[in-house]
Amino acid sequence: MVEVKRKGIAAKLRPATLEGVQCLYVDVNSVAAALSDPEELFRSMASFPGRAVLVIDA
């Protein structure tokens, strides 16, 4: 957890988890472009316990 203070406001930030997420929408083109191995996206999706919707736009 990281505490951030800006303009008099303090916020505690923590890493997001997929716990409780039932459906995940993934922009395939954006994610695959950021990965060194584009197939890693599909390996990761296979281990996701919920439902995943892969969005492909042209």
PDB file of N, CA and C in Angstrom:
ATOM      1  N   MET A   1       0.838  -1.172   0.000  1.00  0.00           N
ATOM      2  CA  MET A   1       0.000   0.000   0.000  1.00  0.00           C
ATOM      3  C   MET A   1       0.886   1.239   0.000  1.00  0.00           C
ATOM      4  N   VAL A   2       0.477   2.228  -0.744  1.00  0.00           N
ATOM      5  CA  VAL A   2       1.231   3.471  -0.858  1.00  0.00           C
ATOM      6  C   VAL A   2       0.324   4.623  -0.450  1.00  0.00           C
ATOM      7  N   GLU A   3       0.840   5.518   0.374  1.00  0.00           N
ATOM      8  CA  GLU A   3       0.062   6.687   0.770  1.00  0.00           C
ATOM      9  C   GLU A   3       0.531   7.881  -0.048  1.00  0.00           C
ATOM     10  N   VAL A   4      -0.418   8.565  -0.672  1.00  0.00           N
ATOM     11  CA  VAL A   4      -0.127   9.712  -1.534  1.00  0.00           C
ATOM     12  C   VAL A   4      -0.825  10.934  -0.958  1.00  0.00           C
ATOM     13  N   LYS A   5      -0.084  12.036  -0.874  1.00  0.00           N
ATOM     14  CA  LYS A   5      -0.671  13.287  -0.384  1.00  0.00           C
ATOM     15  C   LYS A   5      -0.511  14.357  -1.458  1.00  0.00           C
ATOM     16  N   ARG A   6      -1.632  14.948  -1.847  1.00  0.00           N
ATOM     17  CA  ARG A   6      -1.604  16.029  -2.825  1.00  0.00           C
ATOM     18  C   ARG A   6      -2.675  17.039  -2.474  1.00  0.00           C
ATOM     19  N   LYS A   7      -2.311  18.300  -2.497  1.00  0.00           N
ATOM     20  CA  LYS A   7      -3.239  19.405  -2.254  1.00  0.00           C
ATOM     21  C   LYS A   7      -4.068  19.190  -0.991  1.00  0.00           C
ATOM     22  N   GLY A   8      -3.428  18.694   0.051  1.00  0.00           N
ATOM     23  CA  GLY A   8      -4.110  18.530   1.323  1.00  0.00           C
ATOM     24  C   GLY A   8      -4.973  17.287   1.440  1.00  0.00           C
ATOM     25  N   ILE A   9      -4.986  16.482   0.403  1.00  0.00           N
ATOM     26  CA  ILE A   9      -5.792  15.259   0.432  1.00  0.00           C
ATOM     27  C   ILE A   9      -4.858  14.059   0.495  1.00  0.00           C
ATOM     28  N   ALA A  10      -5.097  13.164   1.436  1.00  0.00           N
ATOM     29  CA  ALA A  10      -4.292  11.955   1.567  1.00  0.00           C
ATOM     30  C   ALA A  10      -5.109  10.766   1.067  1.00  0.00           C
ATOM     31  N   ALA A  11      -4.497   9.936   0.258  1.00  0.00           N
ATOM     32  CA  ALA A  11      -5.163   8.738  -0.251  1.00  0.00           C
ATOM     33  C   ALA A  11      -4.227   7.553  -0.098  1.00  0.00           C
ATOM     34  N   LYS A  12      -4.794   6.425   0.250  1.00  0.00           N
ATOM     35  CA  LYS A  12      -4.012   5.192   0.334  1.00  0.00           C
ATOM     36  C   LYS A  12      -4.325   4.356  -0.901  1.00  0.00           C
ATOM     37  N   LEU A  13      -3.293   4.057  -1.641  1.00  0.00           N
ATOM     38  CA  LEU A  13      -3.444   3.283  -2.869  1.00  0.00           C
ATOM     39  C   LEU A  13      -2.930   1.872  -2.648  1.00  0.00           C
ATOM     40  N   ARG A  14      -3.635   0.917  -3.168  1.00  0.00           N
ATOM     41  CA  ARG A  14      -3.180  -0.466  -3.088  1.00  0.00           C
ATOM     42  C   ARG A  14      -3.385  -1.124  -4.445  1.00  0.00           C
ATOM     43  N   PRO A  15      -2.622  -2.143  -4.734  1.00  0.00           N
ATOM     44  CA  PRO A  15      -2.754  -2.809  -6.031  1.00  0.00           C
ATOM     45  C   PRO A  15      -4.154  -3.397  -6.209  1.00  0.00           C
ATOM     46  N   ALA A  16      -4.663  -3.324  -7.406  1.00  0.00           N
ATOM     47  CA  ALA A  16      -5.973  -3.892  -7.701  1.00  0.00           C
ATOM     48  C   ALA A  16      -5.864  -5.411  -7.774  1.00  0.00           C
ATOM     49  N   THR A  17      -6.940  -6.065  -7.417  1.00  0.00           N
ATOM     50  CA  THR A  17      -7.005  -7.520  -7.551  1.00  0.00           C
ATOM     51  C   THR A  17      -8.234  -7.856  -8.381  1.00  0.00           C
ATOM     52  N   LEU A  18      -8.259  -9.058  -8.907  1.00  0.00           N
ATOM     53  CA  LEU A  18      -9.403  -9.499  -9.689  1.00  0.00           C
ATOM     54  C   LEU A  18     -10.432 -10.229  -8.837  1.00  0.00           C
ATOM     55  N   GLU A  19     -10.235 -10.199  -7.521  1.00  0.00           N
ATOM     56  CA  GLU A  19     -11.168 -10.851  -6.616  1.00  0.00           C
ATOM     57  C   GLU A  19     -12.536 -10.181  -6.728  1.00  0.00           C
ATOM     58  N   GLY A  20     -13.546 -10.952  -6.952  1.00  0.00           N
ATOM     59  CA  GLY A  20     -14.900 -10.417  -7.058  1.00  0.00           C
ATOM     60  C   GLY A  20     -15.267  -9.931  -8.451  1.00  0.00           C
ATOM     61  N   VAL A  21     -14.323  -9.925  -9.380  1.00  0.00           N
ATOM     62  CA  VAL A  21     -14.605  -9.500 -10.755  1.00  0.00           C
ATOM     63  C   VAL A  21     -15.214 -10.686 -11.496  1.00  0.00           C
ATOM     64  N   GLN A  22     -16.404 -10.500 -12.031  1.00  0.00           N
ATOM     65  CA  GLN A  22     -17.075 -11.598 -12.720  1.00  0.00           C
ATOM     66  C   GLN A  22     -16.851 -11.562 -14.227  1.00  0.00           C
ATOM     67  N   CYS A  23     -16.659 -10.368 -14.773  1.00  0.00           N
ATOM     68  CA  CYS A  23     -16.463 -10.244 -16.214  1.00  0.00           C
ATOM     69  C   CYS A  23     -15.400  -9.182 -16.477  1.00  0.00           C
ATOM     70  N   LEU A  24     -14.490  -9.482 -17.374  1.00  0.00           N
ATOM     71  CA  LEU A  24     -13.391  -8.582 -17.691  1.00  0.00           C
ATOM     72  C   LEU A  24     -13.411  -8.302 -19.193  1.00  0.00           C
ATOM     73  N   TYR A  25     -13.427  -7.024 -19.573  1.00  0.00           N
ATOM     74  CA  TYR A  25     -13.384  -6.637 -20.987  1.00  0.00           C
ATOM     75  C   TYR A  25     -11.953  -6.250 -21.328  1.00  0.00           C
ATOM     76  N   VAL A  26     -11.421  -6.831 -22.390  1.00  0.00           N
ATOM     77  CA  VAL A  26     -10.019  -6.620 -22.752  1.00  0.00           C
ATOM     78  C   VAL A  26      -9.934  -6.114 -24.187  1.00  0.00           C
ATOM     79  N   ASP A  27      -9.282  -4.962 -24.369  1.00  0.00           N
ATOM     80  CA  ASP A  27      -9.004  -4.436 -25.708  1.00  0.00           C
ATOM     81  C   ASP A  27      -7.764  -5.170 -26.214  1.00  0.00           C
ATOM     82  N   VAL A  28      -7.981  -6.178 -27.039  1.00  0.00           N
ATOM     83  CA  VAL A  28      -6.909  -7.078 -27.473  1.00  0.00           C
ATOM     84  C   VAL A  28      -5.768  -6.333 -28.149  1.00  0.00           C
ATOM     85  N   ASN A  29      -6.076  -5.403 -29.043  1.00  0.00           N
ATOM     86  CA  ASN A  29      -5.018  -4.706 -29.788  1.00  0.00           C
ATOM     87  C   ASN A  29      -4.109  -3.906 -28.864  1.00  0.00           C
ATOM     88  N   SER A  30      -4.676  -3.202 -27.897  1.00  0.00           N
ATOM     89  CA  SER A  30      -3.867  -2.388 -26.988  1.00  0.00           C
ATOM     90  C   SER A  30      -2.998  -3.247 -26.083  1.00  0.00           C
ATOM     91  N   VAL A  31      -3.567  -4.290 -25.527  1.00  0.00           N
ATOM     92  CA  VAL A  31      -2.817  -5.137 -24.604  1.00  0.00           C
ATOM     93  C   VAL A  31      -1.733  -5.908 -25.338  1.00  0.00           C
ATOM     94  N   ALA A  32      -2.063  -6.498 -26.474  1.00  0.00           N
ATOM     95  CA  ALA A  32      -1.083  -7.282 -27.224  1.00  0.00           C
ATOM     96  C   ALA A  32       0.080  -6.412 -27.695  1.00  0.00           C
ATOM     97  N   ALA A  33      -0.188  -5.164 -28.036  1.00  0.00           N
ATOM     98  CA  ALA A  33       0.879  -4.267 -28.490  1.00  0.00           C
ATOM     99  C   ALA A  33       1.845  -3.937 -27.361  1.00  0.00           C
ATOM    100  N   ALA A  34       1.372  -3.977 -26.125  1.00  0.00           N
ATOM    101  CA  ALA A  34       2.219  -3.638 -24.980  1.00  0.00           C
ATOM    102  C   ALA A  34       3.041  -4.828 -24.484  1.00  0.00           C
ATOM    103  N   LEU A  35       2.713  -6.017 -24.930  1.00  0.00           N
ATOM    104  CA  LEU A  35       3.420  -7.211 -24.459  1.00  0.00           C
ATOM    105  C   LEU A  35       4.565  -7.571 -25.395  1.00  0.00           C
ATOM    106  N   SER A  36       5.631  -8.120 -24.832  1.00  0.00           N
ATOM    107  CA  SER A  36       6.735  -8.565 -25.676  1.00  0.00           C
ATOM    108  C   SER A  36       6.360  -9.858 -26.395  1.00  0.00           C
ATOM    109  N   ASP A  37       5.471 -10.653 -25.799  1.00  0.00           N
ATOM    110  CA  ASP A  37       4.989 -11.891 -26.405  1.00  0.00           C
ATOM    111  C   ASP A  37       3.466 -11.802 -26.461  1.00  0.00           C
ATOM    112  N   PRO A  38       2.885 -11.450 -27.625  1.00  0.00           N
ATOM    113  CA  PRO A  38       1.435 -11.256 -27.717  1.00  0.00           C
ATOM    114  C   PRO A  38       0.609 -12.472 -27.267  1.00  0.00           C
ATOM    115  N   GLU A  39       1.153 -13.676 -27.384  1.00  0.00           N
ATOM    116  CA  GLU A  39       0.408 -14.863 -26.954  1.00  0.00           C
ATOM    117  C   GLU A  39       0.250 -14.923 -25.438  1.00  0.00           C
ATOM    118  N   GLU A  40       1.035 -14.125 -24.721  1.00  0.00           N
ATOM    119  CA  GLU A  40       0.926 -14.072 -23.264  1.00  0.00           C
ATOM    120  C   GLU A  40      -0.486 -13.629 -22.850  1.00  0.00           C
ATOM    121  N   LEU A  41      -1.108 -12.786 -23.646  1.00  0.00           N
ATOM    122  CA  LEU A  41      -2.465 -12.332 -23.364  1.00  0.00           C
ATOM    123  C   LEU A  41      -3.409 -13.524 -23.246  1.00  0.00           C
ATOM    124  N   PHE A  42      -3.332 -14.446 -24.173  1.00  0.00           N
ATOM    125  CA  PHE A  42      -4.242 -15.583 -24.191  1.00  0.00           C
ATOM    126  C   PHE A  42      -3.923 -16.569 -23.071  1.00  0.00           C
ATOM    127  N   ARG A  43      -2.659 -16.721 -22.735  1.00  0.00           N
ATOM    128  CA  ARG A  43      -2.293 -17.581 -21.598  1.00  0.00           C
ATOM    129  C   ARG A  43      -2.835 -16.996 -20.304  1.00  0.00           C
ATOM    130  N   SER A  44      -2.761 -15.679 -20.163  1.00  0.00           N
ATOM    131  CA  SER A  44      -3.286 -15.026 -18.963  1.00  0.00           C
ATOM    132  C   SER A  44      -4.799 -15.163 -18.879  1.00  0.00           C
ATOM    133  N   MET A  45      -5.473 -15.018 -19.998  1.00  0.00           N
ATOM    134  CA  MET A  45      -6.930 -15.114 -20.007  1.00  0.00           C
ATOM    135  C   MET A  45      -7.380 -16.532 -19.647  1.00  0.00           C
ATOM    136  N   ALA A  46      -6.612 -17.526 -20.016  1.00  0.00           N
ATOM    137  CA  ALA A  46      -6.971 -18.908 -19.712  1.00  0.00           C
ATOM    138  C   ALA A  46      -6.965 -19.160 -18.212  1.00  0.00           C
ATOM    139  N   SER A  47      -6.160 -18.424 -17.458  1.00  0.00           N
ATOM    140  CA  SER A  47      -6.094 -18.627 -16.015  1.00  0.00           C
ATOM    141  C   SER A  47      -7.066 -17.725 -15.243  1.00  0.00           C
ATOM    142  N   PHE A  48      -7.775 -16.825 -15.930  1.00  0.00           N
ATOM    143  CA  PHE A  48      -8.724 -15.932 -15.274  1.00  0.00           C
ATOM    144  C   PHE A  48      -9.953 -16.733 -14.857  1.00  0.00           C
ATOM    145  N   PRO A  49     -10.338 -16.672 -13.579  1.00  0.00           N
ATOM    146  CA  PRO A  49     -11.440 -17.513 -13.102  1.00  0.00           C
ATOM    147  C   PRO A  49     -12.832 -17.068 -13.559  1.00  0.00           C
ATOM    148  N   GLY A  50     -12.981 -15.842 -14.011  1.00  0.00           N
ATOM    149  CA  GLY A  50     -14.288 -15.334 -14.432  1.00  0.00           C
ATOM    150  C   GLY A  50     -14.471 -15.429 -15.926  1.00  0.00           C
ATOM    151  N   ARG A  51     -15.377 -14.627 -16.434  1.00  0.00           N
ATOM    152  CA  ARG A  51     -15.667 -14.586 -17.862  1.00  0.00           C
ATOM    153  C   ARG A  51     -14.890 -13.432 -18.471  1.00  0.00           C
ATOM    154  N   ALA A  52     -14.320 -13.645 -19.628  1.00  0.00           N
ATOM    155  CA  ALA A  52     -13.561 -12.590 -20.294  1.00  0.00           C
ATOM    156  C   ALA A  52     -14.153 -12.325 -21.667  1.00  0.00           C
ATOM    157  N   VAL A  53     -14.279 -11.050 -22.001  1.00  0.00           N
ATOM    158  CA  VAL A  53     -14.750 -10.635 -23.311  1.00  0.00           C
ATOM    159  C   VAL A  53     -13.590  -9.938 -24.002  1.00  0.00           C
ATOM    160  N   LEU A  54     -13.150 -10.509 -25.109  1.00  0.00           N
ATOM    161  CA  LEU A  54     -12.041  -9.920 -25.855  1.00  0.00           C
ATOM    162  C   LEU A  54     -12.620  -8.994 -26.924  1.00  0.00           C
ATOM    163  N   VAL A  55     -12.230  -7.724 -26.881  1.00  0.00           N
ATOM    164  CA  VAL A  55     -12.751  -6.713 -27.804  1.00  0.00           C
ATOM    165  C   VAL A  55     -11.700  -6.458 -28.866  1.00  0.00           C
ATOM    166  N   ILE A  56     -12.097  -6.659 -30.109  1.00  0.00           N
ATOM    167  CA  ILE A  56     -11.188  -6.423 -31.234  1.00  0.00           C
ATOM    168  C   ILE A  56     -11.832  -5.342 -32.088  1.00  0.00           C
ATOM    169  N   ASP A  57     -11.159  -4.192 -32.213  1.00  0.00           N
ATOM    170  CA  ASP A  57     -11.702  -3.116 -33.037  1.00  0.00           C
ATOM    171  C   ASP A  57     -10.754  -2.827 -34.185  1.00  0.00           C
ATOM    172  N   ALA A  58     -11.306  -2.323 -35.250  1.00  0.00           N
ATOM    173  CA  ALA A  58     -10.499  -2.044 -36.435  1.00  0.00           C
ATOM    174  C   ALA A  58     -10.257  -0.564 -36.560  1.00  0.00           C
TER     175      ALA A  58
END
